[in-house]
Amino acid sequence: MKQCTRREMMKAAAAGACVSGFPTIIPSRVLGAEAPSKTIQVGQIGFGRIGKSMDVPGIIKCPGVRYVGLADLDTKRMALGKAFIDAAYAKQKTSVDLKTYQDYRELLGRADIDAVAISTPDHWHSQPAVEAAFAGKDVYMQKPAALTIAEGRLFSNAMRENKRVFLLGSQQRSTEQFHRACELVRNGRLGKITLIEVGLPGDPAGGRKDEMPVPSNLNYEMWLGSTPQVYYTEDRVHSQSDMKLDSRPGWLRCEQFGAGMITGWGSHHLDIAHWAMGWESTGPVSIEGRGEFHTGGLWDVHGAYDVMLGYADGTRLRVWDKFPNGVRFIGEKGWIFVSRGPAKMTASDPVAAGKPLKALDASDPSLLEGAIGANEIHLYKNRGNHHQNWIDCIRTRAETIVPAETAHRSCSACLLSHIGMKLGRKLTWDPAAEKFMNDDAANALLARAERAPYGTRRAYERLSKKS
């Protein structure tokens, strides 16, 4: 898809359109006498470890943006979030009238909110995203895009049908070494790619199973959402004593709420593989894997794993817990490895196997040299803060660096890997139909039952009938 030039983007903002495929509906406040060129009003859904460390600070620093709403099911965290945002604006010598909500749907009902940032647990990603799209809000959302492939398809459809500007929290695309590695690979510096190696961290076993009383500050019934009803225990949710919000929450290690590191870090690294190879609107055609799943304690996500994905062009992609954390592209002329190096996104990030390698490395340093020519492929370049890309695109209605369908496809590759780990046999996938070939047992894992009244499917069906 062609990118808009800056001039085209500015014309598009005035006309309400850009090139084919880009969002064309502009929030009512973004054009006209009252301003968005000056202020985009944002609501925050969820304020925990990632909301505090990444999303809220990233959005607050964007010029012309104002937080006006905050929702969290835990009123203790809601209060921490309000204090954090109020303090950030006080430091900027300004103030806002930040309204708080325990039910995010009240926030979505506000006509004066242009966009929302979703920083919730994995099982609460796709439903509020769908509801936000139908409410006319542009959406920033943490990865992974969905809990299941069926949810992901509905979320992507909702963004397209409602012409919303969407950005996934795949911030590696806004980092120089990842952009450089992907451009080099896409432009054939390694020749034909034969194998891609993806290394991810792992999660430990454990977790206390003791049933505990539900804290009065937490709407636990709604927190469970569309997943099955189970008793409350703190290690299933998040710490009630961590006022700094920097500890790793227990839900990350429970399959009820996510798939473990295969989507946790896998969404980042498989997204980079897809970007480099031009697979952003497709997926693997074969999956073969194995995985060990924790037993005994509360936490039951995968431990050790080894998955091989095959793509239609003959390239193989191996995801293995023994590889160093990062992505290695191996081709006819050598290899290029890219990672975050020793950097961590949060203090509680787990550590991958092996010693951290250079953020950008190659079998021959000369492979990393040289400019990308005028007639070569130039990948989308975001110069700066990842969240700023979202804000810029809200104004111009251009497509972001990680739009909804791209987010869905990279998440799907992770979820397919997880299904392969579960079944332990070779699977054949049709990325166009998004179905396994002649395999009812595997297709049964593409969706989950939804506990009423919650669920992405319920939300999509209800709202699409109204629109």
Protein backbone atom coordinates (compact mmCIF):
# COMPACT_ATOMS: atom_id res chain seq x y z
CA MET A 1 0.00 0.00 0.00
CA LYS A 2 1.31 3.42 -0.92
CA GLN A 3 2.24 5.75 1.95
CA CYS A 4 0.90 9.27 2.06
CA THR A 5 3.47 11.99 1.71
CA ARG A 6 3.29 14.74 4.32
CA ARG A 7 1.64 17.06 1.79
CA GLU A 8 -0.90 14.37 0.88
CA MET A 9 -1.58 13.77 4.56
CA MET A 10 -2.30 17.45 5.19
CA LYS A 11 -4.60 17.59 2.18
CA ALA A 12 -6.28 14.41 3.42
CA ALA A 13 -6.90 15.93 6.83
CA ALA A 14 -8.72 18.81 5.21
CA ALA A 15 -10.66 16.65 2.79
CA GLY A 16 -11.36 13.78 5.21
CA ALA A 17 -9.60 11.21 3.05
CA CYS A 18 -6.24 9.77 2.07
CA VAL A 19 -5.13 6.98 -0.22
CA SER A 20 -7.32 3.93 -0.58
CA GLY A 21 -7.47 1.87 2.60
CA PHE A 22 -6.67 4.69 5.02
CA PRO A 23 -9.26 5.84 7.57
CA THR A 24 -11.46 8.64 6.29
CA ILE A 25 -13.73 9.55 9.21
CA ILE A 26 -12.25 12.31 11.34
CA PRO A 27 -13.39 12.87 14.93
CA SER A 28 -15.82 15.79 15.09
CA ARG A 29 -13.42 17.76 17.25
CA VAL A 30 -10.39 17.35 14.99
CA LEU A 31 -11.62 19.72 12.30
CA GLY A 32 -13.55 22.94 12.66
CA ALA A 33 -13.65 25.91 14.94
CA GLU A 34 -13.06 24.11 18.18
CA ALA A 35 -9.75 22.71 17.60
CA PRO A 36 -8.19 19.31 17.43
CA SER A 37 -5.33 20.66 15.59
CA LYS A 38 -4.78 22.08 19.06
CA THR A 39 -6.07 19.35 21.35
CA ILE A 40 -6.94 15.66 20.99
CA GLN A 41 -8.80 14.40 24.06
CA VAL A 42 -7.88 10.91 25.21
CA GLY A 43 -9.35 8.38 27.62
CA GLN A 44 -7.16 5.77 29.30
CA ILE A 45 -8.57 2.27 29.82
CA GLY A 46 -6.52 0.38 32.39
CA PHE A 47 -3.73 1.72 34.60
CA GLY A 48 -1.27 -0.97 35.64
CA ARG A 49 2.36 -1.81 35.03
CA ILE A 50 2.39 -1.04 31.28
CA GLY A 51 -0.04 1.86 31.51
CA LYS A 52 2.14 3.59 34.07
CA SER A 53 5.56 2.75 32.63
CA MET A 54 4.85 3.18 28.92
CA ASP A 55 1.47 4.25 27.61
CA VAL A 56 0.44 7.15 29.82
CA PRO A 57 3.92 8.76 29.85
CA GLY A 58 4.24 8.23 26.09
CA ILE A 59 0.91 9.85 25.31
CA ILE A 60 1.25 12.73 27.79
CA LYS A 61 4.49 13.87 26.15
CA CYS A 62 2.76 14.24 22.75
CA PRO A 63 2.00 17.91 22.00
CA GLY A 64 -1.64 18.87 21.66
CA VAL A 65 -3.00 15.91 23.63
CA ARG A 66 -5.02 16.00 26.84
CA TYR A 67 -6.11 13.12 29.05
CA VAL A 68 -9.67 13.74 30.21
CA GLY A 69 -10.79 10.29 31.35
CA LEU A 70 -9.41 7.21 33.11
CA ALA A 71 -11.11 3.86 33.70
CA ASP A 72 -9.94 0.93 35.81
CA LEU A 73 -11.85 -1.94 37.44
CA ASP A 74 -9.63 -1.58 40.53
CA THR A 75 -10.41 1.73 42.26
CA LYS A 76 -7.05 1.62 44.03
CA ARG A 77 -5.29 1.63 40.66
CA MET A 78 -7.74 4.21 39.39
CA ALA A 79 -6.67 6.55 42.19
CA LEU A 80 -2.99 5.89 41.48
CA GLY A 81 -3.60 6.65 37.82
CA LYS A 82 -5.39 9.91 38.52
CA ALA A 83 -2.60 11.02 40.87
CA PHE A 84 0.01 10.08 38.28
CA ILE A 85 -1.69 11.96 35.44
CA ASP A 86 -2.48 15.00 37.60
CA ALA A 87 1.16 15.14 38.74
CA ALA A 88 2.43 14.87 35.16
CA TYR A 89 0.29 17.81 34.07
CA ALA A 90 1.26 19.81 37.15
CA LYS A 91 4.90 19.31 36.15
CA GLN A 92 3.98 20.78 32.76
CA LYS A 93 2.41 23.69 34.67
CA THR A 94 -1.06 22.84 33.45
CA SER A 95 -4.06 20.98 34.83
CA VAL A 96 -6.92 18.85 33.55
CA ASP A 97 -10.33 17.86 34.82
CA LEU A 98 -9.69 14.11 34.72
CA LYS A 99 -12.87 12.08 35.27
CA THR A 100 -12.54 8.51 36.56
CA TYR A 101 -14.72 5.44 35.92
CA GLN A 102 -14.77 1.88 37.20
CA ASP A 103 -16.67 0.85 34.05
CA TYR A 104 -14.83 1.81 30.86
CA ARG A 105 -18.10 1.85 28.90
CA GLU A 106 -19.03 5.10 30.64
CA LEU A 107 -15.80 6.60 29.32
CA LEU A 108 -16.60 5.37 25.79
CA GLY A 109 -19.98 7.11 26.03
CA ARG A 110 -18.38 10.55 26.24
CA ALA A 111 -18.75 12.46 22.97
CA ASP A 112 -15.84 14.77 23.85
CA ILE A 113 -13.28 11.92 23.89
CA ASP A 114 -11.61 11.47 20.50
CA ALA A 115 -9.43 8.46 21.21
CA VAL A 116 -8.68 5.80 23.82
CA ALA A 117 -5.58 3.93 24.93
CA ILE A 118 -6.19 0.34 26.07
CA SER A 119 -3.59 -0.95 28.56
CA THR A 120 -5.54 -3.85 30.06
CA PRO A 121 -4.80 -7.58 30.56
CA ASP A 122 -4.77 -9.64 27.35
CA HIS A 123 -8.29 -11.01 27.78
CA TRP A 124 -9.60 -7.43 27.91
CA HIS A 125 -8.00 -6.17 24.67
CA SER A 126 -10.28 -6.95 21.74
CA GLN A 127 -13.70 -6.31 23.34
CA PRO A 128 -13.10 -2.68 24.41
CA ALA A 129 -11.28 -2.08 21.10
CA VAL A 130 -14.35 -3.21 19.15
CA GLU A 131 -16.65 -1.13 21.35
CA ALA A 132 -14.38 1.90 21.00
CA ALA A 133 -14.38 1.56 17.20
CA PHE A 134 -18.18 1.52 17.05
CA ALA A 135 -18.24 4.49 19.48
CA GLY A 136 -16.18 6.49 16.96
CA LYS A 137 -12.93 6.51 18.95
CA ASP A 138 -9.47 6.02 17.50
CA VAL A 139 -7.57 3.32 19.38
CA TYR A 140 -4.11 2.66 20.73
CA MET A 141 -3.89 -0.83 22.24
CA GLN A 142 -1.25 -2.91 23.93
CA LYS A 143 -0.27 -6.18 22.32
CA PRO A 144 -1.23 -8.94 21.77
CA ALA A 145 -4.16 -7.95 19.61
CA ALA A 146 -6.48 -10.69 20.89
CA LEU A 147 -6.86 -13.81 23.00
CA THR A 148 -7.96 -15.92 20.01
CA ILE A 149 -7.73 -15.72 16.22
CA ALA A 150 -11.53 -15.37 16.00
CA GLU A 151 -11.41 -12.34 18.31
CA GLY A 152 -8.58 -10.83 16.30
CA ARG A 153 -10.54 -11.07 13.05
CA LEU A 154 -13.50 -9.25 14.61
CA PHE A 155 -11.28 -6.55 16.11
CA SER A 156 -9.56 -5.89 12.77
CA ASN A 157 -12.89 -5.85 10.93
CA ALA A 158 -14.33 -3.37 13.43
CA MET A 159 -11.43 -0.95 12.91
CA ARG A 160 -11.76 -1.15 9.13
CA GLU A 161 -15.55 -0.90 9.02
CA ASN A 162 -15.57 2.13 11.33
CA LYS A 163 -12.56 3.76 9.64
CA ARG A 164 -10.67 4.17 12.89
CA VAL A 165 -7.00 5.03 13.31
CA PHE A 166 -5.41 2.16 15.23
CA LEU A 167 -1.91 1.60 16.58
CA LEU A 168 -0.64 -1.51 18.37
CA GLY A 169 1.98 -1.25 21.12
CA SER A 170 4.60 -2.96 18.93
CA GLN A 171 7.11 -0.23 19.71
CA GLN A 172 10.02 -2.14 18.21
CA ARG A 173 8.89 -0.80 14.81
CA SER A 174 9.67 2.70 16.08
CA THR A 175 13.21 1.69 17.10
CA GLU A 176 16.08 2.40 14.73
CA GLN A 177 17.82 -1.00 14.79
CA PHE A 178 14.62 -2.92 14.01
CA HIS A 179 13.71 -0.58 11.16
CA ARG A 180 17.23 -0.87 9.74
CA ALA A 181 17.35 -4.67 9.97
CA CYS A 182 13.96 -5.04 8.28
CA GLU A 183 14.85 -2.68 5.42
CA LEU A 184 18.09 -4.54 4.78
CA VAL A 185 16.32 -7.90 4.71
CA ARG A 186 13.42 -6.64 2.57
CA ASN A 187 15.88 -5.23 0.03
CA GLY A 188 17.75 -8.48 -0.41
CA ARG A 189 21.03 -7.70 1.37
CA LEU A 190 21.08 -11.32 2.59
CA GLY A 191 19.80 -12.82 -0.65
CA LYS A 192 16.96 -15.33 -0.25
CA ILE A 193 16.04 -15.87 3.37
CA THR A 194 15.97 -19.57 4.25
CA LEU A 195 15.44 -19.48 8.03
CA ILE A 196 14.37 -16.97 10.67
CA GLU A 197 15.21 -17.71 14.30
CA VAL A 198 13.10 -16.07 17.01
CA GLY A 199 14.15 -16.29 20.66
CA LEU A 200 11.74 -15.37 23.46
CA PRO A 201 11.95 -15.38 27.27
CA GLY A 202 10.08 -17.92 29.38
CA ASP A 203 7.72 -17.80 32.35
CA PRO A 204 8.18 -19.68 35.64
CA ALA A 205 5.84 -22.17 37.23
CA GLY A 206 4.25 -21.45 40.60
CA GLY A 207 1.53 -19.19 41.91
CA ARG A 208 -0.50 -19.54 45.12
CA LYS A 209 -3.81 -21.34 44.76
CA ASP A 210 -5.36 -20.23 48.08
CA GLU A 211 -8.85 -18.80 47.69
CA MET A 212 -9.00 -15.25 49.06
CA PRO A 213 -11.77 -12.73 49.64
CA VAL A 214 -12.23 -10.34 46.72
CA PRO A 215 -10.84 -6.89 47.59
CA SER A 216 -13.60 -4.31 47.94
CA ASN A 217 -11.78 -2.03 45.52
CA LEU A 218 -11.86 -4.59 42.65
CA ASN A 219 -14.79 -5.46 40.39
CA TYR A 220 -13.55 -9.02 40.05
CA GLU A 221 -16.63 -10.37 38.28
CA MET A 222 -16.12 -7.90 35.44
CA TRP A 223 -12.33 -8.33 35.56
CA LEU A 224 -12.83 -12.01 34.60
CA GLY A 225 -14.77 -10.78 31.59
CA SER A 226 -15.60 -13.39 28.98
CA THR A 227 -13.40 -16.05 30.64
CA PRO A 228 -14.83 -18.71 32.99
CA GLN A 229 -15.92 -17.88 36.54
CA VAL A 230 -13.19 -18.91 39.02
CA TYR A 231 -12.51 -17.97 42.64
CA TYR A 232 -10.32 -14.98 43.45
CA THR A 233 -6.72 -15.33 44.49
CA GLU A 234 -4.23 -12.50 44.22
CA ASP A 235 -1.71 -14.44 42.12
CA ARG A 236 -4.39 -14.85 39.46
CA VAL A 237 -4.88 -11.09 39.10
CA HIS A 238 -2.38 -8.44 40.25
CA SER A 239 -0.70 -7.37 43.46
CA GLN A 240 -2.79 -5.33 45.88
CA SER A 241 0.28 -4.10 47.79
CA ASP A 242 2.49 -2.91 44.91
CA MET A 243 1.84 0.81 44.89
CA LYS A 244 4.60 1.39 42.32
CA LEU A 245 2.83 -0.90 39.82
CA ASP A 246 6.10 -2.40 38.61
CA SER A 247 5.67 -6.06 39.59
CA ARG A 248 4.77 -8.68 37.01
CA PRO A 249 1.06 -9.56 37.45
CA GLY A 250 -0.07 -13.16 37.87
CA TRP A 251 -2.62 -13.10 35.04
CA LEU A 252 0.27 -13.09 32.54
CA ARG A 253 1.02 -16.68 33.60
CA CYS A 254 -2.54 -18.03 33.50
CA GLU A 255 -3.81 -19.51 30.23
CA GLN A 256 -7.31 -18.35 31.09
CA PHE A 257 -6.18 -14.79 30.37
CA GLY A 258 -3.43 -15.21 27.76
CA ALA A 259 -1.05 -17.61 26.06
CA GLY A 260 2.21 -16.82 27.87
CA MET A 261 5.40 -15.60 26.28
CA ILE A 262 4.49 -16.93 22.84
CA THR A 263 2.18 -13.91 22.57
CA GLY A 264 3.81 -11.77 25.29
CA TRP A 265 7.13 -11.21 23.55
CA GLY A 266 6.21 -13.25 20.48
CA SER A 267 3.88 -10.48 19.30
CA HIS A 268 6.89 -8.17 19.18
CA HIS A 269 9.37 -10.45 17.45
CA LEU A 270 7.06 -12.22 15.01
CA ASP A 271 5.80 -8.78 14.00
CA ILE A 272 9.38 -7.85 13.12
CA ALA A 273 9.78 -11.05 11.07
CA HIS A 274 6.54 -10.28 9.20
CA TRP A 275 7.64 -6.69 8.56
CA ALA A 276 10.99 -7.71 7.15
CA MET A 277 9.47 -10.37 4.90
CA GLY A 278 6.35 -8.53 3.70
CA TRP A 279 3.99 -10.98 5.42
CA GLU A 280 1.83 -8.35 7.09
CA SER A 281 -1.44 -9.47 5.50
CA THR A 282 -0.84 -13.20 5.55
CA GLY A 283 0.59 -15.90 7.81
CA PRO A 284 2.24 -19.32 7.89
CA VAL A 285 0.90 -22.25 5.90
CA SER A 286 2.27 -24.96 8.21
CA ILE A 287 2.85 -25.22 11.95
CA GLU A 288 4.69 -27.91 13.86
CA GLY A 289 5.59 -27.53 17.51
CA ARG A 290 5.91 -28.85 20.99
CA GLY A 291 5.57 -27.19 24.35
CA GLU A 292 5.78 -28.02 28.02
CA PHE A 293 2.98 -26.59 30.12
CA HIS A 294 3.38 -25.87 33.83
CA THR A 295 1.40 -27.98 36.29
CA GLY A 296 1.08 -28.10 40.05
CA GLY A 297 0.76 -24.40 40.80
CA LEU A 298 -1.70 -21.76 39.74
CA TRP A 299 0.32 -20.65 36.71
CA ASP A 300 -0.18 -22.93 33.73
CA VAL A 301 1.23 -21.15 30.65
CA HIS A 302 3.93 -22.83 28.60
CA GLY A 303 7.49 -23.33 29.76
CA ALA A 304 9.98 -24.73 27.21
CA TYR A 305 8.83 -24.71 23.58
CA ASP A 306 10.04 -25.28 20.02
CA VAL A 307 7.87 -24.31 17.04
CA MET A 308 8.55 -24.33 13.30
CA LEU A 309 6.36 -22.20 11.05
CA GLY A 310 6.47 -22.61 7.27
CA TYR A 311 5.49 -19.79 4.90
CA ALA A 312 4.24 -20.03 1.31
CA ASP A 313 7.53 -18.72 -0.15
CA GLY A 314 9.43 -21.61 1.42
CA THR A 315 10.90 -19.65 4.33
CA ARG A 316 10.90 -21.36 7.71
CA LEU A 317 10.57 -19.50 11.00
CA ARG A 318 11.65 -21.27 14.17
CA VAL A 319 10.60 -20.03 17.62
CA TRP A 320 12.68 -21.69 20.35
CA ASP A 321 13.30 -20.85 23.99
CA LYS A 322 17.01 -21.73 23.59
CA PHE A 323 17.67 -18.92 21.09
CA PRO A 324 18.85 -15.54 22.45
CA ASN A 325 16.05 -13.01 22.79
CA GLY A 326 15.71 -11.40 19.36
CA VAL A 327 15.30 -12.18 15.66
CA ARG A 328 17.97 -13.65 13.38
CA PHE A 329 17.47 -13.61 9.59
CA ILE A 330 19.60 -16.23 7.83
CA GLY A 331 20.04 -15.95 4.07
CA GLU A 332 22.28 -16.96 1.19
CA LYS A 333 24.81 -14.23 2.01
CA GLY A 334 24.93 -14.48 5.80
CA TRP A 335 22.80 -13.42 8.75
CA ILE A 336 21.52 -10.31 10.52
CA PHE A 337 20.45 -10.39 14.16
CA VAL A 338 18.33 -7.69 15.80
CA SER A 339 17.11 -7.30 19.38
CA ARG A 340 16.68 -4.78 22.16
CA GLY A 341 20.15 -5.75 23.38
CA PRO A 342 20.35 -5.59 27.18
CA ALA A 343 17.45 -3.11 27.35
CA LYS A 344 14.25 -3.96 29.23
CA MET A 345 10.87 -2.33 28.77
CA THR A 346 10.04 -2.69 32.47
CA ALA A 347 12.07 -3.62 35.54
CA SER A 348 10.18 -6.90 35.94
CA ASP A 349 10.75 -8.20 32.40
CA PRO A 350 11.90 -11.86 32.47
CA VAL A 351 15.35 -12.77 31.20
CA ALA A 352 15.81 -14.90 28.10
CA ALA A 353 18.28 -17.74 27.69
CA GLY A 354 21.89 -16.84 26.93
CA LYS A 355 23.89 -13.66 27.12
CA PRO A 356 22.27 -10.55 25.56
CA LEU A 357 23.76 -9.91 22.13
CA LYS A 358 24.31 -6.66 20.30
CA ALA A 359 21.14 -4.82 19.39
CA LEU A 360 22.14 -5.07 15.70
CA ASP A 361 24.72 -7.56 14.48
CA ALA A 362 25.64 -9.51 11.35
CA SER A 363 27.83 -12.36 10.20
CA ASP A 364 29.78 -9.73 8.22
CA PRO A 365 29.62 -6.10 9.47
CA SER A 366 29.55 -4.89 5.86
CA LEU A 367 26.03 -6.33 5.55
CA LEU A 368 24.83 -3.52 7.82
CA GLU A 369 26.41 -0.76 5.75
CA GLY A 370 25.14 1.31 2.86
CA ALA A 371 22.11 3.48 2.30
CA ILE A 372 18.79 2.20 1.00
CA GLY A 373 18.62 3.46 -2.58
CA ALA A 374 15.98 5.73 -4.03
CA ASN A 375 14.53 2.87 -6.10
CA GLU A 376 14.60 0.35 -3.25
CA ILE A 377 11.87 -0.43 -0.71
CA HIS A 378 11.63 2.14 2.06
CA LEU A 379 9.68 0.85 5.04
CA TYR A 380 7.41 3.10 7.07
CA LYS A 381 9.64 5.32 9.21
CA ASN A 382 8.41 6.67 12.51
CA ARG A 383 10.86 9.25 13.74
CA GLY A 384 10.43 9.33 17.50
CA ASN A 385 7.97 8.37 20.21
CA HIS A 386 5.80 5.38 19.18
CA HIS A 387 2.69 7.00 20.67
CA GLN A 388 3.35 10.17 18.67
CA ASN A 389 2.79 8.15 15.50
CA TRP A 390 -0.75 7.42 16.69
CA ILE A 391 -1.44 11.08 17.49
CA ASP A 392 0.00 12.25 14.16
CA CYS A 393 -2.19 9.77 12.28
CA ILE A 394 -5.31 10.79 14.20
CA ARG A 395 -4.75 14.27 12.80
CA THR A 396 -3.89 13.23 9.23
CA ARG A 397 -6.05 10.05 9.05
CA ALA A 398 -3.04 8.22 7.64
CA GLU A 399 -2.36 4.59 8.49
CA THR A 400 -0.13 4.02 11.52
CA ILE A 401 3.09 2.04 11.61
CA VAL A 402 1.19 -0.96 13.09
CA PRO A 403 -2.42 -0.89 11.81
CA ALA A 404 -5.13 -3.32 12.86
CA GLU A 405 -4.76 -6.00 10.17
CA THR A 406 -0.98 -6.08 10.67
CA ALA A 407 -1.53 -6.44 14.41
CA HIS A 408 -4.02 -9.26 13.86
CA ARG A 409 -1.71 -11.19 11.54
CA SER A 410 1.35 -11.05 13.81
CA CYS A 411 -0.81 -12.08 16.78
CA SER A 412 -2.30 -14.91 14.69
CA ALA A 413 1.16 -16.35 13.99
CA CYS A 414 1.76 -16.44 17.75
CA LEU A 415 -1.60 -18.05 18.49
CA LEU A 416 -1.03 -20.61 15.73
CA SER A 417 2.29 -21.44 17.37
CA HIS A 418 0.46 -21.91 20.66
CA ILE A 419 -2.07 -24.25 19.04
CA GLY A 420 0.83 -26.19 17.52
CA MET A 421 2.42 -26.49 20.96
CA LYS A 422 -0.87 -27.77 22.36
CA LEU A 423 -1.53 -30.38 19.69
CA GLY A 424 2.06 -31.49 19.09
CA ARG A 425 1.54 -32.47 15.45
CA LYS A 426 1.93 -30.86 12.06
CA LEU A 427 -0.91 -28.54 11.06
CA THR A 428 -1.78 -27.01 7.70
CA TRP A 429 -3.17 -23.47 7.74
CA ASP A 430 -4.98 -21.44 5.08
CA PRO A 431 -4.08 -17.81 5.86
CA ALA A 432 -6.71 -16.44 3.44
CA ALA A 433 -9.61 -18.40 4.92
CA GLU A 434 -8.06 -18.37 8.42
CA LYS A 435 -8.86 -22.04 8.92
CA PHE A 436 -6.90 -25.26 9.41
CA MET A 437 -7.17 -27.68 6.53
CA ASN A 438 -9.25 -30.78 7.30
CA ASP A 439 -8.66 -30.54 11.05
CA ASP A 440 -11.75 -30.05 13.23
CA ALA A 441 -9.79 -30.43 16.47
CA ALA A 442 -7.41 -27.61 15.54
CA ASN A 443 -10.22 -25.38 14.23
CA ALA A 444 -12.02 -25.77 17.56
CA LEU A 445 -9.10 -23.87 19.15
CA LEU A 446 -9.58 -20.75 17.00
CA ALA A 447 -12.21 -19.39 19.39
CA ARG A 448 -13.26 -19.74 23.02
CA ALA A 449 -16.66 -19.85 24.65
CA GLU A 450 -17.62 -16.43 26.00
CA ARG A 451 -19.11 -16.02 29.47
CA ALA A 452 -22.19 -13.79 29.27
CA PRO A 453 -22.63 -10.89 29.15
CA TYR A 454 -19.04 -10.29 28.03
CA GLY A 455 -17.14 -11.12 24.87
CA THR A 456 -15.78 -9.67 21.66
CA ARG A 457 -18.20 -11.66 19.51
CA ARG A 458 -21.20 -10.47 21.53
CA ALA A 459 -20.00 -6.86 21.35
CA TYR A 460 -19.33 -7.00 17.62
CA GLU A 461 -22.64 -8.62 16.75
CA ARG A 462 -24.63 -6.24 18.95
CA LEU A 463 -22.95 -3.09 17.69
CA SER A 464 -22.77 -4.03 14.01
CA LYS A 465 -26.54 -4.54 14.01
CA LYS A 466 -27.02 -1.02 15.35
CA SER A 467 -24.69 0.67 12.87
